[in-house]
Amino acid sequence: MSACSALFVSAALLSASLMGAAPAAVLAQDAAPSRQLDSISFYRGACHSLTTPDGDVSQTCAPALIQNLYSDGDVGYSFIHVAPDNHAQAAVSFLGNGGGMAPGSIAVAGVLLNGPDGNESYEGRGVCTRAGADDGPQSVSCEATTDNGMYTATFVSDGSAPQVRDMTESAEKAPKK
């Protein structure tokens, strides 16, 4: 599974959980991974801001955040927003790596968009910073500049433990191609 498709699956999983669907059905649609996604964490809290080149979509930002961790050190953060008129869901995801960065920070290498009209990915430059205690509220702030424009997002968890899905167990059980 590529980093892009793993983030898209994660966004679909979060969307499914927000809408009451079974996440297992979403995972079953994906093929066996070619890159190791170690875990997906679902945080509850408040999305304080989400902006895209099209403008501020903070009012439709879901009260949840996805964090993907990969075996090579890459990290992805996905912010979900829901259009109030038609319940269409979209994800704005920031993907990067923490190598050479301060603890809790990643250098953003790309922004991925997943929505009802399809998926788009943009190379970018920026940073995501995560702060807070592991056993309390945490904040994640991201910003990245792409050829498509600037993306920013801020989320603060409610302090409850995240739901974590260990994807290494899923990968071990997946059929080999």
Protein backbone atom coordinates (compact mmCIF):
# COMPACT_ATOMS: atom_id res chain seq x y z
CA MET A 1 0.00 0.00 0.00
CA SER A 2 1.51 3.36 -0.94
CA ALA A 3 1.61 6.21 1.57
CA CYS A 4 -1.08 7.97 -0.46
CA SER A 5 -3.43 5.02 -0.57
CA ALA A 6 -2.83 4.28 3.12
CA LEU A 7 -3.86 7.81 4.02
CA PHE A 8 -6.89 7.53 1.76
CA VAL A 9 -7.89 4.27 3.48
CA SER A 10 -7.42 5.97 6.85
CA ALA A 11 -9.58 8.88 5.79
CA ALA A 12 -12.24 6.43 4.64
CA LEU A 13 -11.99 4.60 7.97
CA LEU A 14 -12.47 7.83 9.92
CA SER A 15 -15.35 8.86 7.69
CA ALA A 16 -16.93 5.44 8.17
CA SER A 17 -16.59 5.64 11.94
CA LEU A 18 -18.04 9.16 12.03
CA MET A 19 -21.02 7.98 9.99
CA GLY A 20 -21.47 4.77 12.02
CA ALA A 21 -20.24 2.33 9.34
CA ALA A 22 -18.07 -0.70 10.04
CA PRO A 23 -14.37 0.13 9.43
CA ALA A 24 -13.62 -3.52 8.60
CA ALA A 25 -15.62 -3.15 5.38
CA VAL A 26 -13.40 -0.27 4.31
CA LEU A 27 -10.20 -2.20 5.04
CA ALA A 28 -11.47 -5.22 3.14
CA GLN A 29 -11.59 -3.10 -0.03
CA ASP A 30 -7.83 -2.47 0.05
CA ALA A 31 -5.18 -4.75 -1.45
CA ALA A 32 -2.27 -6.27 0.43
CA PRO A 33 0.28 -3.58 1.32
CA SER A 34 3.60 -3.23 -0.50
CA ARG A 35 4.77 -0.66 2.08
CA GLN A 36 4.40 -1.20 5.81
CA LEU A 37 1.76 0.90 7.55
CA ASP A 38 2.41 0.22 11.24
CA SER A 39 -0.61 1.83 12.87
CA ILE A 40 -3.59 4.11 12.45
CA SER A 41 -4.67 6.23 15.44
CA PHE A 42 -8.05 7.95 15.67
CA TYR A 43 -8.19 10.98 17.97
CA ARG A 44 -11.37 12.71 19.17
CA GLY A 45 -11.39 16.41 19.96
CA ALA A 46 -11.85 19.68 18.12
CA CYS A 47 -10.63 20.83 14.75
CA HIS A 48 -9.82 24.49 15.39
CA SER A 49 -8.93 25.41 11.81
CA LEU A 50 -8.68 23.95 8.32
CA THR A 51 -7.83 26.06 5.30
CA THR A 52 -7.19 25.10 1.69
CA PRO A 53 -6.35 27.21 -1.36
CA ASP A 54 -10.13 27.47 -1.84
CA GLY A 55 -10.57 29.11 1.57
CA ASP A 56 -11.45 28.42 5.18
CA VAL A 57 -13.40 25.17 5.70
CA SER A 58 -13.01 25.14 9.50
CA GLN A 59 -16.77 25.20 10.07
CA THR A 60 -17.11 21.79 8.40
CA CYS A 61 -14.02 20.18 9.95
CA ALA A 62 -14.84 16.94 11.79
CA PRO A 63 -14.06 16.58 15.53
CA ALA A 64 -11.51 13.84 14.81
CA LEU A 65 -7.98 13.38 13.48
CA ILE A 66 -6.17 10.38 11.97
CA GLN A 67 -2.48 9.74 12.53
CA ASN A 68 -0.71 7.11 10.37
CA LEU A 69 2.69 5.75 11.39
CA TYR A 70 4.88 3.89 8.85
CA SER A 71 7.82 1.55 9.35
CA ASP A 72 10.18 3.93 7.53
CA GLY A 73 9.42 6.82 9.91
CA ASP A 74 6.86 8.59 7.74
CA VAL A 75 3.88 10.10 9.55
CA GLY A 76 0.56 11.23 8.10
CA TYR A 77 -2.12 13.45 9.66
CA SER A 78 -5.59 13.53 8.08
CA PHE A 79 -8.19 16.20 8.79
CA ILE A 80 -11.75 15.42 7.63
CA HIS A 81 -14.39 17.91 6.62
CA VAL A 82 -18.03 17.26 5.79
CA ALA A 83 -20.10 19.48 3.52
CA PRO A 84 -23.24 20.37 5.51
CA ASP A 85 -25.57 20.26 2.50
CA ASN A 86 -24.84 16.83 1.07
CA HIS A 87 -22.77 15.00 3.69
CA ALA A 88 -19.94 14.59 1.18
CA GLN A 89 -16.72 13.93 3.03
CA ALA A 90 -13.21 14.98 2.12
CA ALA A 91 -9.81 14.56 3.74
CA VAL A 92 -6.86 16.91 3.73
CA SER A 93 -3.80 14.86 4.68
CA PHE A 94 -0.25 15.99 5.41
CA LEU A 95 2.52 13.40 4.89
CA GLY A 96 6.10 13.73 6.01
CA ASN A 97 8.99 12.35 8.01
CA GLY A 98 10.46 13.33 11.36
CA GLY A 99 14.08 12.57 10.44
CA GLY A 100 16.28 15.53 11.37
CA MET A 101 13.37 17.44 12.91
CA ALA A 102 12.70 18.43 16.53
CA PRO A 103 10.81 15.76 18.53
CA GLY A 104 7.10 15.91 17.71
CA SER A 105 7.64 17.58 14.32
CA ILE A 106 7.63 16.26 10.78
CA ALA A 107 8.83 17.89 7.59
CA VAL A 108 5.82 17.79 5.27
CA ALA A 109 6.65 16.44 1.82
CA GLY A 110 3.14 16.34 0.41
CA VAL A 111 -0.54 17.11 0.80
CA LEU A 112 -3.12 14.55 -0.23
CA LEU A 113 -6.77 15.33 -0.96
CA ASN A 114 -9.43 12.64 -0.91
CA GLY A 115 -12.98 13.56 -1.74
CA PRO A 116 -16.14 12.60 -3.54
CA ASP A 117 -14.67 13.84 -6.84
CA GLY A 118 -11.51 11.74 -6.57
CA ASN A 119 -8.02 11.91 -5.11
CA GLU A 120 -5.24 14.41 -5.72
CA SER A 121 -1.72 14.63 -4.34
CA TYR A 122 0.65 17.59 -4.32
CA GLU A 123 4.31 17.77 -3.44
CA GLY A 124 4.83 20.39 -0.81
CA ARG A 125 7.01 21.88 1.86
CA GLY A 126 5.97 22.59 5.38
CA VAL A 127 5.80 21.25 8.90
CA CYS A 128 3.43 19.49 11.27
CA THR A 129 4.00 19.84 15.00
CA ARG A 130 2.48 17.62 17.68
CA ALA A 131 2.55 18.77 21.32
CA GLY A 132 1.14 17.54 24.61
CA ALA A 133 1.44 14.63 26.98
CA ASP A 134 0.72 11.09 25.77
CA ASP A 135 -1.88 10.72 28.53
CA GLY A 136 -3.66 14.05 28.03
CA PRO A 137 -4.77 16.56 25.42
CA GLN A 138 -2.54 16.79 22.37
CA SER A 139 -2.44 19.37 19.62
CA VAL A 140 -1.43 18.92 16.00
CA SER A 141 -0.75 21.91 13.78
CA CYS A 142 0.18 21.54 10.12
CA GLU A 143 0.99 23.91 7.30
CA ALA A 144 2.29 23.24 3.83
CA THR A 145 2.77 25.15 0.62
CA THR A 146 2.20 23.31 -2.65
CA ASP A 147 1.96 24.33 -6.30
CA ASN A 148 -1.79 24.30 -5.65
CA GLY A 149 -1.51 26.78 -2.76
CA MET A 150 -1.33 26.84 1.04
CA TYR A 151 -2.92 24.28 3.39
CA THR A 152 -3.17 24.73 7.17
CA ALA A 153 -4.87 22.79 9.95
CA THR A 154 -5.01 22.74 13.76
CA PHE A 155 -6.55 20.05 15.97
CA VAL A 156 -6.67 19.59 19.75
CA SER A 157 -7.64 16.21 21.20
CA ASP A 158 -10.06 15.87 24.10
CA GLY A 159 -7.43 14.06 26.18
CA SER A 160 -8.99 10.62 25.85
CA ALA A 161 -6.81 7.77 24.63
CA PRO A 162 -6.84 7.41 20.85
CA GLN A 163 -8.26 4.32 19.17
CA VAL A 164 -5.23 2.59 17.69
CA ARG A 165 -5.35 -0.05 15.01
CA ASP A 166 -2.17 -2.12 14.71
CA MET A 167 -1.79 -2.60 10.97
CA THR A 168 1.22 -4.94 11.26
CA GLU A 169 -1.18 -7.68 12.42
CA SER A 170 -3.44 -6.99 9.42
CA ALA A 171 -0.47 -7.10 7.05
CA GLU A 172 0.72 -10.43 8.45
CA LYS A 173 -2.71 -11.96 7.81
CA ALA A 174 -3.13 -10.49 4.33
CA PRO A 175 -2.82 -12.85 1.36
CA LYS A 176 0.51 -12.62 -0.46
CA LYS A 177 0.49 -11.58 -4.11
